[in-house]
């Protein structure tokens, strides 16, 4: 559902073979990139700014699990194909995070994607989206015109500015964290109207998937 895509994402599952948690390190590490963690055979840990935030995430996860379980009961196919298997992504080469080569590769893949170009035309994706790395203050401002990135600048003069630490950006480009989830869970900071950004949700889903085709070291 839209809710699970925006707020839950890929939930880490950690082995738990005892009644009590004896080692919290795997849990705290997992919570750095997702506010939800499942302890296998044990339960769910959720973090948030308020108790209502944690309850909200837990209820979304519970609902998603119920729907998936019911869907599997009515699914005649025994073979499940993941998105990675469908696209057969080549992960042999890894790029330096926020390097010129990495961003240029992302731009090239986005501009060559036919679906993005079609959706960009229909949804009039004309805006500027800047991404920023907190540690180095590096900024890449992508100028979109009808879905195509016409140029890249290194300023923050954008309609939307997304910033965050290196470990979050690494998780995003290595496909273990969805950018929408990172934003709604406040792992990334967003300057700009999120409601306006969601107007182009279908095309950005595809763009963010392409980000995952340019893994980082």
N, C-alpha and C. Protein backbone atom coordinates (compact mmCIF):
# COMPACT_ATOMS: atom_id res chain seq x y z
N UNK A 1 0.84 -1.19 0.00
CA UNK A 1 0.00 0.00 0.00
C UNK A 1 0.88 1.24 0.00
N UNK A 2 0.26 2.39 -0.25
CA UNK A 2 1.02 3.65 -0.20
C UNK A 2 1.59 3.89 1.20
N UNK A 3 0.80 3.52 2.22
CA UNK A 3 1.26 3.75 3.60
C UNK A 3 2.51 2.98 3.92
N UNK A 4 2.52 1.67 3.54
CA UNK A 4 3.71 0.86 3.84
C UNK A 4 4.91 1.34 3.04
N UNK A 5 4.68 1.79 1.79
CA UNK A 5 5.79 2.28 0.97
C UNK A 5 6.37 3.56 1.54
N UNK A 6 5.51 4.43 2.07
CA UNK A 6 5.97 5.73 2.57
C UNK A 6 6.53 5.68 3.98
N UNK A 7 5.97 4.81 4.83
CA UNK A 7 6.32 4.87 6.25
C UNK A 7 7.07 3.65 6.79
N UNK A 8 7.00 2.52 6.10
CA UNK A 8 7.59 1.30 6.65
C UNK A 8 8.83 0.87 5.88
N UNK A 9 8.68 0.63 4.57
CA UNK A 9 9.83 0.22 3.77
C UNK A 9 10.28 -1.20 4.07
N UNK A 10 11.57 -1.44 3.88
CA UNK A 10 12.15 -2.77 4.12
C UNK A 10 12.52 -2.89 5.59
N UNK A 11 11.77 -3.69 6.32
CA UNK A 11 11.96 -3.80 7.77
C UNK A 11 13.02 -4.84 8.10
N UNK A 12 14.06 -4.46 8.86
CA UNK A 12 15.09 -5.43 9.24
C UNK A 12 14.52 -6.51 10.17
N UNK A 13 14.97 -7.74 9.97
CA UNK A 13 14.58 -8.86 10.83
C UNK A 13 15.85 -9.41 11.49
N UNK A 14 15.84 -9.45 12.81
CA UNK A 14 17.02 -9.86 13.57
C UNK A 14 16.72 -11.16 14.30
N UNK A 15 17.64 -12.10 14.24
CA UNK A 15 17.48 -13.38 14.93
C UNK A 15 17.39 -13.15 16.44
N UNK A 16 16.44 -13.82 17.08
CA UNK A 16 16.28 -13.72 18.53
C UNK A 16 15.94 -15.10 19.06
N UNK A 17 16.88 -15.74 19.75
CA UNK A 17 16.72 -17.13 20.16
C UNK A 17 16.59 -17.31 21.66
N UNK A 18 16.40 -16.22 22.39
CA UNK A 18 16.26 -16.31 23.84
C UNK A 18 15.14 -15.39 24.31
N UNK A 19 14.57 -15.67 25.50
CA UNK A 19 13.47 -14.83 25.99
C UNK A 19 13.88 -13.37 26.19
N UNK A 20 15.13 -13.15 26.58
CA UNK A 20 15.63 -11.79 26.80
C UNK A 20 16.63 -11.40 25.72
N UNK A 21 16.69 -10.12 25.43
CA UNK A 21 17.67 -9.62 24.46
C UNK A 21 19.03 -9.51 25.15
N UNK A 22 19.97 -10.32 24.68
CA UNK A 22 21.28 -10.37 25.32
C UNK A 22 22.28 -9.42 24.66
N UNK A 23 22.07 -9.11 23.40
CA UNK A 23 22.98 -8.22 22.67
C UNK A 23 22.13 -7.19 21.91
N UNK A 24 22.21 -5.94 22.34
CA UNK A 24 21.38 -4.90 21.71
C UNK A 24 22.04 -4.26 20.51
N UNK A 25 23.32 -4.60 20.26
CA UNK A 25 24.05 -3.95 19.16
C UNK A 25 23.36 -4.11 17.81
N UNK A 26 22.96 -5.33 17.40
CA UNK A 26 22.27 -5.47 16.11
C UNK A 26 21.00 -4.64 16.03
N UNK A 27 20.32 -4.48 17.16
CA UNK A 27 19.07 -3.72 17.18
C UNK A 27 19.33 -2.23 16.98
N UNK A 28 20.29 -1.69 17.74
CA UNK A 28 20.59 -0.26 17.63
C UNK A 28 21.14 0.07 16.24
N UNK A 29 21.91 -0.85 15.66
CA UNK A 29 22.42 -0.61 14.31
C UNK A 29 21.29 -0.60 13.29
N UNK A 30 20.35 -1.53 13.44
CA UNK A 30 19.22 -1.60 12.51
C UNK A 30 18.32 -0.37 12.63
N UNK A 31 18.16 0.14 13.84
CA UNK A 31 17.29 1.30 14.07
C UNK A 31 17.87 2.59 13.49
N UNK A 32 19.13 2.57 13.13
CA UNK A 32 19.73 3.75 12.51
C UNK A 32 19.12 4.01 11.13
N UNK A 33 18.71 2.94 10.45
CA UNK A 33 18.20 3.09 9.08
C UNK A 33 16.72 2.78 8.94
N UNK A 34 16.09 2.27 10.00
CA UNK A 34 14.63 2.06 9.96
C UNK A 34 14.09 2.15 11.38
N UNK A 35 13.00 2.86 11.56
CA UNK A 35 12.42 3.03 12.89
C UNK A 35 11.64 1.81 13.35
N UNK A 36 11.61 0.77 12.52
CA UNK A 36 10.94 -0.49 12.85
C UNK A 36 11.94 -1.64 12.75
N UNK A 37 11.96 -2.50 13.75
CA UNK A 37 12.81 -3.70 13.71
C UNK A 37 12.00 -4.88 14.24
N UNK A 38 12.06 -5.99 13.52
CA UNK A 38 11.39 -7.21 13.97
C UNK A 38 12.42 -8.14 14.60
N UNK A 39 12.15 -8.58 15.83
CA UNK A 39 12.96 -9.60 16.47
C UNK A 39 12.29 -10.94 16.20
N UNK A 40 12.93 -11.77 15.41
CA UNK A 40 12.33 -13.03 14.98
C UNK A 40 11.92 -13.88 16.18
N UNK A 41 10.70 -14.40 16.12
CA UNK A 41 10.14 -15.24 17.19
C UNK A 41 9.97 -14.50 18.51
N UNK A 42 9.96 -13.18 18.45
CA UNK A 42 9.95 -12.42 19.70
C UNK A 42 8.95 -11.25 19.67
N UNK A 43 9.17 -10.28 18.77
CA UNK A 43 8.28 -9.13 18.73
C UNK A 43 8.84 -8.00 17.87
N UNK A 44 8.29 -6.82 18.04
CA UNK A 44 8.65 -5.66 17.23
C UNK A 44 9.13 -4.54 18.11
N UNK A 45 10.19 -3.87 17.68
CA UNK A 45 10.68 -2.67 18.35
C UNK A 45 10.48 -1.49 17.41
N UNK A 46 9.88 -0.43 17.93
CA UNK A 46 9.62 0.77 17.14
C UNK A 46 10.09 2.00 17.90
N UNK A 47 10.69 2.96 17.19
CA UNK A 47 11.09 4.22 17.82
C UNK A 47 10.41 5.38 17.10
N UNK A 48 10.22 6.49 17.81
CA UNK A 48 9.61 7.67 17.23
C UNK A 48 9.69 8.84 18.19
N UNK A 49 9.29 10.01 17.73
CA UNK A 49 9.34 11.20 18.59
C UNK A 49 8.32 11.12 19.72
N UNK A 50 7.20 10.47 19.45
CA UNK A 50 6.15 10.34 20.47
C UNK A 50 5.64 8.91 20.50
N UNK A 51 4.88 8.60 21.55
CA UNK A 51 4.28 7.27 21.67
C UNK A 51 3.31 7.02 20.51
N UNK A 52 2.58 8.05 20.10
CA UNK A 52 1.65 7.91 18.97
C UNK A 52 2.37 7.58 17.68
N UNK A 53 3.57 8.16 17.49
CA UNK A 53 4.36 7.86 16.29
C UNK A 53 4.71 6.37 16.24
N UNK A 54 5.15 5.83 17.37
CA UNK A 54 5.53 4.42 17.41
C UNK A 54 4.32 3.52 17.22
N UNK A 55 3.18 3.90 17.82
CA UNK A 55 1.95 3.11 17.65
C UNK A 55 1.50 3.13 16.19
N UNK A 56 1.62 4.29 15.55
CA UNK A 56 1.23 4.44 14.15
C UNK A 56 2.03 3.48 13.27
N UNK A 57 3.37 3.45 13.44
CA UNK A 57 4.21 2.58 12.63
C UNK A 57 3.91 1.10 12.90
N UNK A 58 3.70 0.76 14.17
CA UNK A 58 3.41 -0.63 14.53
C UNK A 58 2.10 -1.10 13.90
N UNK A 59 1.09 -0.24 13.90
CA UNK A 59 -0.20 -0.62 13.32
C UNK A 59 -0.11 -0.78 11.81
N UNK A 60 0.67 0.09 11.15
CA UNK A 60 0.85 -0.05 9.70
C UNK A 60 1.53 -1.37 9.38
N UNK A 61 2.56 -1.73 10.16
CA UNK A 61 3.26 -3.00 9.94
C UNK A 61 2.32 -4.18 10.16
N UNK A 62 1.53 -4.13 11.22
CA UNK A 62 0.61 -5.23 11.51
C UNK A 62 -0.39 -5.41 10.38
N UNK A 63 -0.93 -4.30 9.89
CA UNK A 63 -1.90 -4.36 8.80
C UNK A 63 -1.26 -4.91 7.53
N UNK A 64 -0.02 -4.51 7.26
CA UNK A 64 0.68 -4.98 6.06
C UNK A 64 0.93 -6.48 6.12
N UNK A 65 1.32 -6.96 7.29
CA UNK A 65 1.58 -8.39 7.46
C UNK A 65 0.30 -9.20 7.27
N UNK A 66 -0.80 -8.70 7.81
CA UNK A 66 -2.08 -9.39 7.67
C UNK A 66 -2.49 -9.48 6.19
N UNK A 67 -2.35 -8.36 5.47
CA UNK A 67 -2.72 -8.36 4.05
C UNK A 67 -1.83 -9.28 3.24
N UNK A 68 -0.54 -9.30 3.57
CA UNK A 68 0.37 -10.17 2.84
C UNK A 68 0.05 -11.64 3.09
N UNK A 69 -0.28 -11.96 4.33
CA UNK A 69 -0.62 -13.35 4.67
C UNK A 69 -1.87 -13.80 3.92
N UNK A 70 -2.88 -12.93 3.87
CA UNK A 70 -4.12 -13.27 3.16
C UNK A 70 -3.86 -13.39 1.65
N UNK A 71 -3.05 -12.48 1.12
CA UNK A 71 -2.74 -12.51 -0.31
C UNK A 71 -2.04 -13.82 -0.69
N UNK A 72 -1.15 -14.30 0.18
CA UNK A 72 -0.43 -15.54 -0.11
C UNK A 72 -1.38 -16.74 -0.13
N UNK A 73 -2.45 -16.68 0.69
CA UNK A 73 -3.41 -17.78 0.70
C UNK A 73 -4.11 -17.92 -0.65
N UNK A 74 -4.28 -16.81 -1.35
CA UNK A 74 -4.99 -16.81 -2.63
C UNK A 74 -4.05 -16.75 -3.82
N UNK A 75 -2.76 -16.85 -3.56
CA UNK A 75 -1.77 -16.78 -4.64
C UNK A 75 -1.44 -18.19 -5.10
N UNK A 76 -1.74 -18.49 -6.36
CA UNK A 76 -1.48 -19.83 -6.90
C UNK A 76 -0.02 -20.02 -7.30
N UNK A 77 0.69 -18.92 -7.45
CA UNK A 77 2.08 -19.02 -7.89
C UNK A 77 2.98 -19.31 -6.69
N UNK A 78 3.87 -20.25 -6.87
CA UNK A 78 4.81 -20.60 -5.80
C UNK A 78 6.14 -19.88 -5.96
N UNK A 79 6.32 -19.22 -7.07
CA UNK A 79 7.60 -18.54 -7.34
C UNK A 79 7.45 -17.04 -7.16
N UNK A 80 8.19 -16.48 -6.22
CA UNK A 80 8.18 -15.06 -5.99
C UNK A 80 9.48 -14.46 -6.54
N UNK A 81 9.33 -13.46 -7.38
CA UNK A 81 10.49 -12.83 -8.00
C UNK A 81 10.68 -11.44 -7.41
N UNK A 82 11.86 -11.18 -6.87
CA UNK A 82 12.12 -9.89 -6.26
C UNK A 82 12.39 -8.85 -7.32
N UNK A 83 12.30 -7.59 -6.93
CA UNK A 83 12.57 -6.49 -7.86
C UNK A 83 14.00 -6.57 -8.38
N UNK A 84 14.94 -6.93 -7.49
CA UNK A 84 16.34 -7.05 -7.92
C UNK A 84 16.51 -8.13 -8.97
N UNK A 85 15.80 -9.25 -8.81
CA UNK A 85 15.90 -10.34 -9.79
C UNK A 85 15.28 -9.93 -11.11
N UNK A 86 14.19 -9.18 -11.05
CA UNK A 86 13.53 -8.72 -12.27
C UNK A 86 14.46 -7.83 -13.09
N UNK A 87 15.11 -6.90 -12.41
CA UNK A 87 15.93 -5.93 -13.12
C UNK A 87 17.35 -6.44 -13.36
N UNK A 88 17.73 -7.54 -12.65
CA UNK A 88 19.07 -8.12 -12.79
C UNK A 88 20.14 -7.04 -12.68
N UNK A 89 20.08 -6.36 -11.56
CA UNK A 89 20.99 -5.24 -11.34
C UNK A 89 22.43 -5.73 -11.17
N UNK A 90 23.32 -5.08 -11.85
CA UNK A 90 24.74 -5.41 -11.74
C UNK A 90 25.35 -4.62 -10.59
N UNK A 91 25.65 -5.31 -9.50
CA UNK A 91 26.19 -4.65 -8.33
C UNK A 91 27.71 -4.82 -8.21
N UNK A 92 28.36 -5.22 -9.31
CA UNK A 92 29.79 -5.48 -9.26
C UNK A 92 30.60 -4.21 -9.03
N UNK A 93 30.15 -3.08 -9.61
CA UNK A 93 30.87 -1.83 -9.45
C UNK A 93 30.21 -0.98 -8.39
N UNK A 94 31.04 -0.43 -7.51
CA UNK A 94 30.53 0.47 -6.49
C UNK A 94 31.23 1.82 -6.62
N UNK A 95 30.48 2.88 -6.32
CA UNK A 95 30.97 4.23 -6.51
C UNK A 95 31.26 4.88 -5.16
N UNK A 96 32.10 5.88 -5.18
CA UNK A 96 32.34 6.67 -3.98
C UNK A 96 31.11 7.54 -3.74
N UNK A 97 30.64 7.55 -2.50
CA UNK A 97 29.42 8.27 -2.15
C UNK A 97 29.55 9.76 -2.48
N UNK A 98 28.53 10.29 -3.20
CA UNK A 98 28.45 11.69 -3.57
C UNK A 98 29.65 12.13 -4.43
N UNK A 99 30.18 11.19 -5.19
CA UNK A 99 31.24 11.54 -6.14
C UNK A 99 30.60 12.02 -7.43
N UNK A 100 31.36 12.76 -8.22
CA UNK A 100 30.86 13.25 -9.50
C UNK A 100 30.49 12.08 -10.40
N UNK A 101 31.29 11.02 -10.37
CA UNK A 101 31.03 9.85 -11.21
C UNK A 101 29.71 9.19 -10.82
N UNK A 102 29.45 9.08 -9.52
CA UNK A 102 28.21 8.46 -9.07
C UNK A 102 26.99 9.25 -9.54
N UNK A 103 27.01 10.56 -9.34
CA UNK A 103 25.86 11.39 -9.70
C UNK A 103 25.67 11.41 -11.22
N UNK A 104 26.76 11.48 -11.97
CA UNK A 104 26.65 11.48 -13.43
C UNK A 104 26.05 10.17 -13.93
N UNK A 105 26.38 9.06 -13.27
CA UNK A 105 25.81 7.77 -13.65
C UNK A 105 24.32 7.74 -13.36
N UNK A 106 23.91 8.29 -12.22
CA UNK A 106 22.49 8.37 -11.88
C UNK A 106 21.74 9.18 -12.92
N UNK A 107 22.28 10.34 -13.28
CA UNK A 107 21.65 11.21 -14.27
C UNK A 107 21.50 10.50 -15.61
N UNK A 108 22.55 9.81 -16.01
CA UNK A 108 22.52 9.10 -17.29
C UNK A 108 21.43 8.02 -17.31
N UNK A 109 21.31 7.27 -16.22
CA UNK A 109 20.30 6.21 -16.14
C UNK A 109 18.89 6.78 -16.12
N UNK A 110 18.71 7.88 -15.39
CA UNK A 110 17.39 8.51 -15.33
C UNK A 110 16.98 9.03 -16.70
N UNK A 111 17.90 9.70 -17.37
CA UNK A 111 17.57 10.31 -18.67
C UNK A 111 17.37 9.28 -19.78
N UNK A 112 17.89 8.07 -19.58
CA UNK A 112 17.72 7.02 -20.59
C UNK A 112 16.49 6.16 -20.35
N UNK A 113 15.85 6.35 -19.19
CA UNK A 113 14.71 5.50 -18.85
C UNK A 113 13.44 5.99 -19.54
N UNK A 114 12.85 5.17 -20.37
CA UNK A 114 11.68 5.55 -21.15
C UNK A 114 10.47 5.80 -20.26
N UNK A 115 10.27 4.96 -19.24
CA UNK A 115 9.12 5.12 -18.36
C UNK A 115 9.16 6.47 -17.63
N UNK A 116 10.34 6.83 -17.17
CA UNK A 116 10.49 8.11 -16.46
C UNK A 116 10.20 9.28 -17.39
N UNK A 117 10.68 9.18 -18.61
CA UNK A 117 10.44 10.26 -19.57
C UNK A 117 8.95 10.40 -19.88
N UNK A 118 8.25 9.28 -20.03
CA UNK A 118 6.81 9.32 -20.31
C UNK A 118 6.05 9.90 -19.13
N UNK A 119 6.35 9.40 -17.92
CA UNK A 119 5.66 9.88 -16.73
C UNK A 119 6.00 11.34 -16.45
N UNK A 120 7.25 11.71 -16.72
CA UNK A 120 7.68 13.08 -16.51
C UNK A 120 6.94 14.05 -17.40
N UNK A 121 6.64 13.61 -18.61
CA UNK A 121 5.87 14.44 -19.53
C UNK A 121 4.43 14.58 -19.04
N UNK A 122 3.81 13.46 -18.68
CA UNK A 122 2.41 13.46 -18.25
C UNK A 122 2.21 14.27 -16.97
N UNK A 123 3.13 14.09 -16.00
CA UNK A 123 2.99 14.75 -14.70
C UNK A 123 3.69 16.10 -14.63
N UNK A 124 4.29 16.51 -15.76
CA UNK A 124 5.01 17.78 -15.84
C UNK A 124 6.03 17.91 -14.70
N UNK A 125 6.93 16.95 -14.64
CA UNK A 125 7.98 16.96 -13.61
C UNK A 125 9.03 18.00 -13.99
N UNK A 126 8.76 19.25 -13.63
CA UNK A 126 9.68 20.35 -13.87
C UNK A 126 9.95 21.03 -12.54
N UNK A 127 11.12 20.81 -11.99
CA UNK A 127 11.46 21.32 -10.67
C UNK A 127 12.95 21.08 -10.42
N UNK A 128 13.43 21.53 -9.26
CA UNK A 128 14.82 21.31 -8.88
C UNK A 128 14.87 20.53 -7.57
N UNK A 129 15.61 19.42 -7.58
CA UNK A 129 15.76 18.57 -6.40
C UNK A 129 17.24 18.50 -6.04
N UNK A 130 17.59 18.98 -4.86
CA UNK A 130 18.98 18.96 -4.40
C UNK A 130 19.16 17.93 -3.31
N UNK A 131 20.26 17.20 -3.37
CA UNK A 131 20.61 16.25 -2.31
C UNK A 131 21.92 16.70 -1.68
N UNK A 132 22.02 16.53 -0.35
CA UNK A 132 23.17 17.08 0.38
C UNK A 132 23.72 16.06 1.37
N UNK A 133 25.02 15.95 1.42
CA UNK A 133 25.71 15.07 2.37
C UNK A 133 26.17 15.90 3.55
N UNK A 134 25.68 15.58 4.74
CA UNK A 134 25.96 16.39 5.92
C UNK A 134 27.45 16.52 6.24
N UNK A 135 28.17 15.39 6.17
CA UNK A 135 29.56 15.41 6.61
C UNK A 135 30.44 16.34 5.78
N UNK A 136 30.24 16.36 4.48
CA UNK A 136 31.10 17.16 3.59
C UNK A 136 30.41 18.40 3.06
N UNK A 137 29.09 18.50 3.33
CA UNK A 137 28.29 19.62 2.80
C UNK A 137 28.23 19.62 1.27
N UNK A 138 28.53 18.48 0.66
CA UNK A 138 28.46 18.37 -0.80
C UNK A 138 26.99 18.41 -1.24
N UNK A 139 26.73 19.17 -2.31
CA UNK A 139 25.37 19.33 -2.80
C UNK A 139 25.33 19.09 -4.30
N UNK A 140 24.33 18.32 -4.73
CA UNK A 140 24.08 18.12 -6.16
C UNK A 140 22.62 18.50 -6.41
N UNK A 141 22.42 19.54 -7.20
CA UNK A 141 21.10 20.07 -7.49
C UNK A 141 20.68 19.63 -8.89
N UNK A 142 19.68 18.75 -8.95
CA UNK A 142 19.23 18.19 -10.22
C UNK A 142 18.07 19.02 -10.78
N UNK A 143 18.26 19.59 -11.96
CA UNK A 143 17.24 20.42 -12.59
C UNK A 143 16.42 19.55 -13.54
N UNK A 144 15.17 19.27 -13.15
CA UNK A 144 14.28 18.45 -13.97
C UNK A 144 13.45 19.32 -14.90
N UNK A 145 13.34 18.90 -16.15
CA UNK A 145 12.46 19.53 -17.12
C UNK A 145 11.67 18.43 -17.83
N UNK A 146 10.37 18.37 -17.50
CA UNK A 146 9.50 17.33 -18.06
C UNK A 146 10.04 15.92 -17.83
N UNK A 147 10.64 15.70 -16.66
CA UNK A 147 11.13 14.37 -16.30
C UNK A 147 12.59 14.13 -16.63
N UNK A 148 13.20 14.99 -17.42
CA UNK A 148 14.59 14.82 -17.81
C UNK A 148 15.47 15.78 -17.00
N UNK A 149 16.61 15.28 -16.55
CA UNK A 149 17.55 16.12 -15.82
C UNK A 149 18.38 16.89 -16.83
N UNK A 150 18.13 18.20 -16.91
CA UNK A 150 18.79 19.03 -17.93
C UNK A 150 20.20 19.45 -17.51
N UNK A 151 20.40 19.62 -16.20
CA UNK A 151 21.73 19.99 -15.73
C UNK A 151 21.85 19.74 -14.22
N UNK A 152 23.10 19.74 -13.76
CA UNK A 152 23.40 19.57 -12.34
C UNK A 152 24.21 20.78 -11.88
N UNK A 153 23.79 21.38 -10.77
CA UNK A 153 24.56 22.47 -10.16
C UNK A 153 24.89 22.08 -8.72
N UNK A 154 25.75 22.84 -8.09
CA UNK A 154 26.21 22.50 -6.73
C UNK A 154 25.74 23.52 -5.70
N UNK A 155 24.49 23.98 -5.87
CA UNK A 155 23.93 24.96 -4.95
C UNK A 155 22.66 24.40 -4.30
N UNK A 156 22.16 25.10 -3.28
CA UNK A 156 20.97 24.68 -2.57
C UNK A 156 19.72 25.43 -3.02
N UNK A 157 19.82 26.14 -4.12
CA UNK A 157 18.68 26.89 -4.64
C UNK A 157 17.75 25.94 -5.39
N UNK A 158 16.96 25.20 -4.62
CA UNK A 158 16.12 24.15 -5.19
C UNK A 158 14.73 24.21 -4.59
N UNK A 159 13.78 23.60 -5.29
CA UNK A 159 12.42 23.49 -4.75
C UNK A 159 12.39 22.55 -3.55
N UNK A 160 13.25 21.54 -3.61
CA UNK A 160 13.33 20.56 -2.53
C UNK A 160 14.81 20.27 -2.23
N UNK A 161 15.16 20.29 -0.95
CA UNK A 161 16.51 19.96 -0.52
C UNK A 161 16.43 18.81 0.46
N UNK A 162 17.06 17.69 0.12
CA UNK A 162 17.08 16.52 1.00
C UNK A 162 18.50 16.34 1.51
N UNK A 163 18.67 16.34 2.83
CA UNK A 163 20.00 16.22 3.42
C UNK A 163 20.03 15.12 4.47
N UNK A 164 21.22 14.56 4.68
CA UNK A 164 21.35 13.50 5.67
C UNK A 164 22.78 13.04 5.82
N UNK A 165 23.05 12.20 6.83
CA UNK A 165 24.40 11.69 7.07
C UNK A 165 24.78 10.60 6.07
N UNK A 166 26.06 10.29 6.04
CA UNK A 166 26.57 9.33 5.04
C UNK A 166 25.97 7.94 5.17
N UNK A 167 25.75 7.46 6.42
CA UNK A 167 25.26 6.09 6.56
C UNK A 167 23.83 5.94 6.05
N UNK A 168 23.05 7.02 6.10
CA UNK A 168 21.70 6.96 5.55
C UNK A 168 21.74 6.97 4.03
N UNK A 169 22.56 7.85 3.44
CA UNK A 169 22.69 7.88 1.98
C UNK A 169 23.25 6.57 1.45
N UNK A 170 24.18 5.95 2.18
CA UNK A 170 24.72 4.66 1.74
C UNK A 170 23.62 3.60 1.73
N UNK A 171 22.77 3.61 2.75
CA UNK A 171 21.67 2.64 2.81
C UNK A 171 20.70 2.84 1.65
N UNK A 172 20.49 4.10 1.27
CA UNK A 172 19.58 4.40 0.16
C UNK A 172 20.16 3.91 -1.16
N UNK A 173 21.41 4.27 -1.44
CA UNK A 173 22.01 3.88 -2.71
C UNK A 173 22.33 2.39 -2.77
N UNK A 174 22.43 1.74 -1.62
CA UNK A 174 22.67 0.29 -1.60
C UNK A 174 21.37 -0.49 -1.42
N UNK A 175 20.24 0.23 -1.55
CA UNK A 175 18.91 -0.37 -1.65
C UNK A 175 18.40 -1.06 -0.39
N UNK A 176 18.87 -0.64 0.77
CA UNK A 176 18.33 -1.18 2.01
C UNK A 176 17.41 -0.19 2.69
N UNK A 177 17.26 1.00 2.12
CA UNK A 177 16.38 2.02 2.69
C UNK A 177 15.75 2.83 1.56
N UNK A 178 14.43 2.97 1.61
CA UNK A 178 13.71 3.75 0.60
C UNK A 178 13.77 5.23 0.97
N UNK A 179 14.06 6.11 0.00
CA UNK A 179 14.13 7.55 0.29
C UNK A 179 12.84 8.12 0.87
N UNK A 180 11.68 7.62 0.41
CA UNK A 180 10.42 8.09 0.97
C UNK A 180 10.32 7.73 2.45
N UNK A 181 10.71 6.50 2.79
CA UNK A 181 10.68 6.05 4.18
C UNK A 181 11.66 6.85 5.02
N UNK A 182 12.85 7.07 4.47
CA UNK A 182 13.87 7.84 5.19
C UNK A 182 13.38 9.25 5.50
N UNK A 183 12.57 9.81 4.61
CA UNK A 183 12.03 11.16 4.81
C UNK A 183 10.91 11.16 5.83
N UNK A 184 9.95 10.24 5.70
CA UNK A 184 8.83 10.22 6.64
C UNK A 184 9.27 9.81 8.04
N UNK A 185 10.32 8.98 8.15
CA UNK A 185 10.84 8.59 9.46
C UNK A 185 11.87 9.58 9.99
N UNK A 186 12.11 10.66 9.23
CA UNK A 186 13.01 11.75 9.63
C UNK A 186 14.46 11.30 9.73
N UNK A 187 14.81 10.27 8.97
CA UNK A 187 16.23 9.91 8.85
C UNK A 187 16.92 10.91 7.93
N UNK A 188 16.15 11.45 6.99
CA UNK A 188 16.61 12.53 6.12
C UNK A 188 15.81 13.78 6.43
N UNK A 189 16.42 14.94 6.23
CA UNK A 189 15.72 16.21 6.41
C UNK A 189 15.27 16.73 5.05
N UNK A 190 14.03 17.17 4.99
CA UNK A 190 13.48 17.68 3.74
C UNK A 190 13.07 19.13 3.90
N UNK A 191 13.61 19.98 3.03
CA UNK A 191 13.16 21.36 2.94
C UNK A 191 12.31 21.48 1.68
N UNK A 192 11.06 21.85 1.86
CA UNK A 192 10.14 21.89 0.73
C UNK A 192 8.83 21.24 1.13
N UNK A 193 7.83 21.43 0.33
CA UNK A 193 6.49 20.92 0.60
C UNK A 193 6.39 19.46 0.19
N UNK A 194 6.31 18.57 1.20
CA UNK A 194 6.24 17.14 0.91
C UNK A 194 4.99 16.79 0.13
N UNK A 195 3.89 17.50 0.40
CA UNK A 195 2.65 17.24 -0.34
C UNK A 195 2.84 17.52 -1.82
N UNK A 196 3.59 18.57 -2.13
CA UNK A 196 3.85 18.90 -3.54
C UNK A 196 4.75 17.85 -4.17
N UNK A 197 5.73 17.38 -3.39
CA UNK A 197 6.63 16.34 -3.91
C UNK A 197 5.86 15.06 -4.20
N UNK A 198 4.88 14.73 -3.35
CA UNK A 198 4.10 13.50 -3.55
C UNK A 198 3.25 13.55 -4.81
N UNK A 199 3.07 14.76 -5.35
CA UNK A 199 2.34 14.89 -6.62
C UNK A 199 3.02 14.09 -7.71
N UNK A 200 4.35 14.01 -7.64
CA UNK A 200 5.13 13.28 -8.65
C UNK A 200 5.54 11.90 -8.12
N UNK A 201 4.77 11.37 -7.17
CA UNK A 201 5.12 10.10 -6.53
C UNK A 201 5.42 8.97 -7.53
N UNK A 202 4.56 8.72 -8.53
CA UNK A 202 4.82 7.59 -9.43
C UNK A 202 6.16 7.66 -10.14
N UNK A 203 6.54 8.85 -10.59
CA UNK A 203 7.80 8.96 -11.31
C UNK A 203 8.99 8.91 -10.37
N UNK A 204 8.84 9.43 -9.15
CA UNK A 204 9.96 9.38 -8.20
C UNK A 204 10.18 7.98 -7.65
N UNK A 205 9.14 7.18 -7.59
CA UNK A 205 9.32 5.77 -7.22
C UNK A 205 10.31 5.12 -8.18
N UNK A 206 10.13 5.38 -9.47
CA UNK A 206 11.03 4.81 -10.48
C UNK A 206 12.42 5.43 -10.41
N UNK A 207 12.49 6.72 -10.19
CA UNK A 207 13.79 7.40 -10.08
C UNK A 207 14.58 6.86 -8.90
N UNK A 208 13.92 6.69 -7.75
CA UNK A 208 14.60 6.19 -6.57
C UNK A 208 15.05 4.74 -6.75
N UNK A 209 14.29 3.97 -7.52
CA UNK A 209 14.73 2.60 -7.83
C UNK A 209 16.03 2.63 -8.64
N UNK A 210 16.14 3.59 -9.53
CA UNK A 210 17.35 3.73 -10.33
C UNK A 210 18.54 4.13 -9.46
N UNK A 211 18.29 4.93 -8.43
CA UNK A 211 19.38 5.27 -7.49
C UNK A 211 20.03 3.99 -6.98
N UNK A 212 19.19 2.98 -6.72
CA UNK A 212 19.70 1.72 -6.19
C UNK A 212 20.53 0.92 -7.19
N UNK A 213 20.55 1.36 -8.45
CA UNK A 213 21.39 0.70 -9.45
C UNK A 213 22.80 1.29 -9.49
N UNK A 214 23.03 2.26 -8.61
CA UNK A 214 24.36 2.89 -8.54
C UNK A 214 24.86 2.75 -7.10
N UNK A 215 25.21 1.52 -6.70
CA UNK A 215 25.60 1.27 -5.29
C UNK A 215 26.91 1.97 -4.93
N UNK A 216 27.09 2.21 -3.64
CA UNK A 216 28.26 2.94 -3.18
C UNK A 216 29.12 2.07 -2.26
N UNK A 217 30.33 2.51 -2.10
CA UNK A 217 31.29 1.77 -1.25
C UNK A 217 30.93 1.89 0.22
